[in-house]
Amino acid sequence: MIHDYIAHDLTSYASRFIEKLLVRVKQLEIFPKSGKIVPEFGIENIRELIEGNYRIVYRVNS
């Protein structure tokens, strides 16, 4: 969905962005607490990762 939105203007940029995004998300498997705690929730295991104009909110499972 993100790829399609970006690709509407720049197909090559969309592909590079998605690759970069996937690398960042993959890093969360190794460093799950590398994202910041989401301010609105203030809960230790609800975190966010910012990439470009996108915010990825995720939950860290014990």
PDB file of N, CA and C in Angstrom:
ATOM      1  N   MET A   1       0.817  -1.178   0.000  1.00  0.00           N
ATOM      2  CA  MET A   1       0.000   0.000   0.000  1.00  0.00           C
ATOM      3  C   MET A   1       0.875   1.262   0.000  1.00  0.00           C
ATOM      4  N   ILE A   2       1.888   1.307   0.880  1.00  0.00           N
ATOM      5  CA  ILE A   2       2.796   2.457   0.899  1.00  0.00           C
ATOM      6  C   ILE A   2       3.526   2.541  -0.430  1.00  0.00           C
ATOM      7  N   HIS A   3       3.994   1.384  -0.912  1.00  0.00           N
ATOM      8  CA  HIS A   3       4.717   1.353  -2.189  1.00  0.00           C
ATOM      9  C   HIS A   3       3.860   1.932  -3.302  1.00  0.00           C
ATOM     10  N   ASP A   4       2.612   1.516  -3.378  1.00  0.00           N
ATOM     11  CA  ASP A   4       1.721   1.992  -4.441  1.00  0.00           C
ATOM     12  C   ASP A   4       1.507   3.500  -4.357  1.00  0.00           C
ATOM     13  N   TYR A   5       1.381   4.004  -3.142  1.00  0.00           N
ATOM     14  CA  TYR A   5       1.169   5.443  -2.951  1.00  0.00           C
ATOM     15  C   TYR A   5       2.382   6.232  -3.438  1.00  0.00           C
ATOM     16  N   ILE A   6       3.577   5.799  -3.019  1.00  0.00           N
ATOM     17  CA  ILE A   6       4.796   6.498  -3.428  1.00  0.00           C
ATOM     18  C   ILE A   6       5.053   6.297  -4.914  1.00  0.00           C
ATOM     19  N   ALA A   7       4.815   5.087  -5.411  1.00  0.00           N
ATOM     20  CA  ALA A   7       5.092   4.761  -6.808  1.00  0.00           C
ATOM     21  C   ALA A   7       4.248   5.581  -7.767  1.00  0.00           C
ATOM     22  N   HIS A   8       3.149   6.107  -7.282  1.00  0.00           N
ATOM     23  CA  HIS A   8       2.307   6.949  -8.129  1.00  0.00           C
ATOM     24  C   HIS A   8       3.139   8.072  -8.739  1.00  0.00           C
ATOM     25  N   ASP A   9       4.111   8.585  -7.971  1.00  0.00           N
ATOM     26  CA  ASP A   9       4.983   9.654  -8.459  1.00  0.00           C
ATOM     27  C   ASP A   9       6.348   9.139  -8.907  1.00  0.00           C
ATOM     28  N   LEU A  10       6.968   8.296  -8.095  1.00  0.00           N
ATOM     29  CA  LEU A  10       8.339   7.855  -8.355  1.00  0.00           C
ATOM     30  C   LEU A  10       8.498   6.366  -8.058  1.00  0.00           C
ATOM     31  N   THR A  11       8.430   5.545  -9.071  1.00  0.00           N
ATOM     32  CA  THR A  11       8.494   4.100  -8.891  1.00  0.00           C
ATOM     33  C   THR A  11       9.819   3.648  -8.291  1.00  0.00           C
ATOM     34  N   SER A  12      10.942   4.158  -8.784  1.00  0.00           N
ATOM     35  CA  SER A  12      12.239   3.714  -8.277  1.00  0.00           C
ATOM     36  C   SER A  12      12.426   4.125  -6.820  1.00  0.00           C
ATOM     37  N   TYR A  13      11.965   5.312  -6.467  1.00  0.00           N
ATOM     38  CA  TYR A  13      12.063   5.760  -5.076  1.00  0.00           C
ATOM     39  C   TYR A  13      11.212   4.872  -4.176  1.00  0.00           C
ATOM     40  N   ALA A  14      10.054   4.497  -4.634  1.00  0.00           N
ATOM     41  CA  ALA A  14       9.154   3.650  -3.840  1.00  0.00           C
ATOM     42  C   ALA A  14       9.823   2.324  -3.507  1.00  0.00           C
ATOM     43  N   SER A  15      10.467   1.716  -4.475  1.00  0.00           N
ATOM     44  CA  SER A  15      11.138   0.433  -4.244  1.00  0.00           C
ATOM     45  C   SER A  15      12.279   0.578  -3.247  1.00  0.00           C
ATOM     46  N   ARG A  16      13.083   1.623  -3.393  1.00  0.00           N
ATOM     47  CA  ARG A  16      14.197   1.852  -2.460  1.00  0.00           C
ATOM     48  C   ARG A  16      13.679   2.119  -1.050  1.00  0.00           C
ATOM     49  N   PHE A  17      12.605   2.900  -0.969  1.00  0.00           N
ATOM     50  CA  PHE A  17      12.041   3.217   0.342  1.00  0.00           C
ATOM     51  C   PHE A  17      11.544   1.956   1.040  1.00  0.00           C
ATOM     52  N   ILE A  18      10.845   1.101   0.326  1.00  0.00           N
ATOM     53  CA  ILE A  18      10.319  -0.137   0.914  1.00  0.00           C
ATOM     54  C   ILE A  18      11.466  -1.036   1.363  1.00  0.00           C
ATOM     55  N   GLU A  19      12.534  -1.125   0.562  1.00  0.00           N
ATOM     56  CA  GLU A  19      13.698  -1.921   0.958  1.00  0.00           C
ATOM     57  C   GLU A  19      14.290  -1.387   2.259  1.00  0.00           C
ATOM     58  N   LYS A  20      14.445  -0.080   2.349  1.00  0.00           N
ATOM     59  CA  LYS A  20      14.991   0.547   3.551  1.00  0.00           C
ATOM     60  C   LYS A  20      14.073   0.304   4.751  1.00  0.00           C
ATOM     61  N   LEU A  21      12.791   0.426   4.527  1.00  0.00           N
ATOM     62  CA  LEU A  21      11.810   0.203   5.584  1.00  0.00           C
ATOM     63  C   LEU A  21      11.881  -1.232   6.099  1.00  0.00           C
ATOM     64  N   LEU A  22      11.993  -2.191   5.203  1.00  0.00           N
ATOM     65  CA  LEU A  22      12.073  -3.598   5.596  1.00  0.00           C
ATOM     66  C   LEU A  22      13.345  -3.892   6.383  1.00  0.00           C
ATOM     67  N   VAL A  23      14.448  -3.251   6.010  1.00  0.00           N
ATOM     68  CA  VAL A  23      15.698  -3.417   6.761  1.00  0.00           C
ATOM     69  C   VAL A  23      15.519  -2.909   8.185  1.00  0.00           C
ATOM     70  N   ARG A  24      14.912  -1.741   8.331  1.00  0.00           N
ATOM     71  CA  ARG A  24      14.681  -1.162   9.667  1.00  0.00           C
ATOM     72  C   ARG A  24      13.788  -2.071  10.505  1.00  0.00           C
ATOM     73  N   VAL A  25      12.735  -2.598   9.912  1.00  0.00           N
ATOM     74  CA  VAL A  25      11.822  -3.478  10.647  1.00  0.00           C
ATOM     75  C   VAL A  25      12.532  -4.781  11.019  1.00  0.00           C
ATOM     76  N   LYS A  26      13.348  -5.299  10.120  1.00  0.00           N
ATOM     77  CA  LYS A  26      14.105  -6.530  10.385  1.00  0.00           C
ATOM     78  C   LYS A  26      15.049  -6.336  11.577  1.00  0.00           C
ATOM     79  N   GLN A  27      15.621  -5.139  11.710  1.00  0.00           N
ATOM     80  CA  GLN A  27      16.516  -4.846  12.831  1.00  0.00           C
ATOM     81  C   GLN A  27      15.787  -4.958  14.168  1.00  0.00           C
ATOM     82  N   LEU A  28      14.483  -4.762  14.146  1.00  0.00           N
ATOM     83  CA  LEU A  28      13.705  -4.856  15.381  1.00  0.00           C
ATOM     84  C   LEU A  28      13.713  -6.273  15.951  1.00  0.00           C
ATOM     85  N   GLU A  29      13.941  -7.272  15.099  1.00  0.00           N
ATOM     86  CA  GLU A  29      14.036  -8.644  15.595  1.00  0.00           C
ATOM     87  C   GLU A  29      15.239  -8.792  16.516  1.00  0.00           C
ATOM     88  N   ILE A  30      16.312  -8.062  16.219  1.00  0.00           N
ATOM     89  CA  ILE A  30      17.538  -8.135  17.012  1.00  0.00           C
ATOM     90  C   ILE A  30      17.507  -7.133  18.168  1.00  0.00           C
ATOM     91  N   PHE A  31      17.007  -5.935  17.887  1.00  0.00           N
ATOM     92  CA  PHE A  31      16.961  -4.859  18.876  1.00  0.00           C
ATOM     93  C   PHE A  31      15.523  -4.352  19.038  1.00  0.00           C
ATOM     94  N   PRO A  32      14.650  -5.148  19.636  1.00  0.00           N
ATOM     95  CA  PRO A  32      13.231  -4.775  19.693  1.00  0.00           C
ATOM     96  C   PRO A  32      12.940  -3.488  20.465  1.00  0.00           C
ATOM     97  N   LYS A  33      13.814  -3.122  21.387  1.00  0.00           N
ATOM     98  CA  LYS A  33      13.567  -1.908  22.169  1.00  0.00           C
ATOM     99  C   LYS A  33      14.283  -0.693  21.591  1.00  0.00           C
ATOM    100  N   SER A  34      14.721  -0.795  20.342  1.00  0.00           N
ATOM    101  CA  SER A  34      15.429   0.333  19.725  1.00  0.00           C
ATOM    102  C   SER A  34      14.494   1.486  19.373  1.00  0.00           C
ATOM    103  N   GLY A  35      13.223   1.202  19.229  1.00  0.00           N
ATOM    104  CA  GLY A  35      12.253   2.265  18.978  1.00  0.00           C
ATOM    105  C   GLY A  35      11.925   3.010  20.261  1.00  0.00           C
ATOM    106  N   LYS A  36      11.349   4.186  20.115  1.00  0.00           N
ATOM    107  CA  LYS A  36      10.957   4.983  21.278  1.00  0.00           C
ATOM    108  C   LYS A  36       9.598   4.517  21.797  1.00  0.00           C
ATOM    109  N   ILE A  37       9.392   4.690  23.088  1.00  0.00           N
ATOM    110  CA  ILE A  37       8.076   4.428  23.674  1.00  0.00           C
ATOM    111  C   ILE A  37       7.099   5.441  23.078  1.00  0.00           C
ATOM    112  N   VAL A  38       5.942   4.970  22.652  1.00  0.00           N
ATOM    113  CA  VAL A  38       4.942   5.855  22.042  1.00  0.00           C
ATOM    114  C   VAL A  38       4.414   6.803  23.120  1.00  0.00           C
ATOM    115  N   PRO A  39       4.611   8.119  22.940  1.00  0.00           N
ATOM    116  CA  PRO A  39       4.215   9.095  23.963  1.00  0.00           C
ATOM    117  C   PRO A  39       2.734   9.030  24.352  1.00  0.00           C
ATOM    118  N   GLU A  40       1.868   8.809  23.385  1.00  0.00           N
ATOM    119  CA  GLU A  40       0.432   8.791  23.669  1.00  0.00           C
ATOM    120  C   GLU A  40       0.029   7.662  24.611  1.00  0.00           C
ATOM    121  N   PHE A  41       0.792   6.554  24.568  1.00  0.00           N
ATOM    122  CA  PHE A  41       0.453   5.402  25.394  1.00  0.00           C
ATOM    123  C   PHE A  41       1.277   5.357  26.673  1.00  0.00           C
ATOM    124  N   GLY A  42       2.563   5.693  26.569  1.00  0.00           N
ATOM    125  CA  GLY A  42       3.442   5.651  27.730  1.00  0.00           C
ATOM    126  C   GLY A  42       3.620   4.254  28.302  1.00  0.00           C
ATOM    127  N   ILE A  43       3.460   3.251  27.462  1.00  0.00           N
ATOM    128  CA  ILE A  43       3.584   1.855  27.882  1.00  0.00           C
ATOM    129  C   ILE A  43       4.906   1.321  27.335  1.00  0.00           C
ATOM    130  N   GLU A  44       5.694   0.689  28.209  1.00  0.00           N
ATOM    131  CA  GLU A  44       7.046   0.226  27.875  1.00  0.00           C
ATOM    132  C   GLU A  44       7.107  -0.630  26.606  1.00  0.00           C
ATOM    133  N   ASN A  45       6.135  -1.503  26.399  1.00  0.00           N
ATOM    134  CA  ASN A  45       6.236  -2.419  25.260  1.00  0.00           C
ATOM    135  C   ASN A  45       5.511  -1.933  23.995  1.00  0.00           C
ATOM    136  N   ILE A  46       4.957  -0.733  23.994  1.00  0.00           N
ATOM    137  CA  ILE A  46       4.380  -0.151  22.776  1.00  0.00           C
ATOM    138  C   ILE A  46       5.369   0.905  22.292  1.00  0.00           C
ATOM    139  N   ARG A  47       5.978   0.647  21.154  1.00  0.00           N
ATOM    140  CA  ARG A  47       7.062   1.493  20.668  1.00  0.00           C
ATOM    141  C   ARG A  47       6.801   1.951  19.242  1.00  0.00           C
ATOM    142  N   GLU A  48       7.616   2.908  18.809  1.00  0.00           N
ATOM    143  CA  GLU A  48       7.469   3.435  17.457  1.00  0.00           C
ATOM    144  C   GLU A  48       8.828   3.560  16.794  1.00  0.00           C
ATOM    145  N   LEU A  49       8.794   3.421  15.498  1.00  0.00           N
ATOM    146  CA  LEU A  49       9.965   3.586  14.659  1.00  0.00           C
ATOM    147  C   LEU A  49       9.560   4.578  13.579  1.00  0.00           C
ATOM    148  N   ILE A  50      10.341   5.623  13.403  1.00  0.00           N
ATOM    149  CA  ILE A  50      10.043   6.631  12.393  1.00  0.00           C
ATOM    150  C   ILE A  50      10.950   6.401  11.194  1.00  0.00           C
ATOM    151  N   GLU A  51      10.369   6.337  10.029  1.00  0.00           N
ATOM    152  CA  GLU A  51      11.135   6.214   8.787  1.00  0.00           C
ATOM    153  C   GLU A  51      10.522   7.164   7.781  1.00  0.00           C
ATOM    154  N   GLY A  52      11.278   8.197   7.448  1.00  0.00           N
ATOM    155  CA  GLY A  52      10.750   9.206   6.538  1.00  0.00           C
ATOM    156  C   GLY A  52       9.528   9.857   7.155  1.00  0.00           C
ATOM    157  N   ASN A  53       8.456   9.900   6.415  1.00  0.00           N
ATOM    158  CA  ASN A  53       7.204  10.482   6.903  1.00  0.00           C
ATOM    159  C   ASN A  53       6.279   9.446   7.530  1.00  0.00           C
ATOM    160  N   TYR A  54       6.799   8.237   7.753  1.00  0.00           N
ATOM    161  CA  TYR A  54       5.967   7.148   8.243  1.00  0.00           C
ATOM    162  C   TYR A  54       6.332   6.774   9.669  1.00  0.00           C
ATOM    163  N   ARG A  55       5.332   6.425  10.410  1.00  0.00           N
ATOM    164  CA  ARG A  55       5.479   6.015  11.804  1.00  0.00           C
ATOM    165  C   ARG A  55       5.016   4.570  11.917  1.00  0.00           C
ATOM    166  N   ILE A  56       5.904   3.712  12.376  1.00  0.00           N
ATOM    167  CA  ILE A  56       5.586   2.302  12.553  1.00  0.00           C
ATOM    168  C   ILE A  56       5.422   2.063  14.049  1.00  0.00           C
ATOM    169  N   VAL A  57       4.243   1.724  14.468  1.00  0.00           N
ATOM    170  CA  VAL A  57       3.969   1.449  15.874  1.00  0.00           C
ATOM    171  C   VAL A  57       3.933  -0.067  16.027  1.00  0.00           C
ATOM    172  N   TYR A  58       4.656  -0.564  17.040  1.00  0.00           N
ATOM    173  CA  TYR A  58       4.732  -2.007  17.235  1.00  0.00           C
ATOM    174  C   TYR A  58       4.745  -2.342  18.724  1.00  0.00           C
ATOM    175  N   ARG A  59       4.478  -3.603  19.011  1.00  0.00           N
ATOM    176  CA  ARG A  59       4.470  -4.077  20.394  1.00  0.00           C
ATOM    177  C   ARG A  59       5.618  -5.061  20.581  1.00  0.00           C
ATOM    178  N   VAL A  60       6.364  -4.898  21.656  1.00  0.00           N
ATOM    179  CA  VAL A  60       7.449  -5.811  22.000  1.00  0.00           C
ATOM    180  C   VAL A  60       6.861  -6.899  22.888  1.00  0.00           C
ATOM    181  N   ASN A  61       6.978  -8.143  22.430  1.00  0.00           N
ATOM    182  CA  ASN A  61       6.510  -9.280  23.228  1.00  0.00           C
ATOM    183  C   ASN A  61       7.668  -9.823  24.039  1.00  0.00           C
ATOM    184  N   SER A  62       7.398 -10.223  25.270  1.00  0.00           N
ATOM    185  CA  SER A  62       8.448 -10.766  26.147  1.00  0.00           C
ATOM    186  C   SER A  62       8.849 -12.148  25.702  1.00  0.00           C
TER     187      SER A  62
END
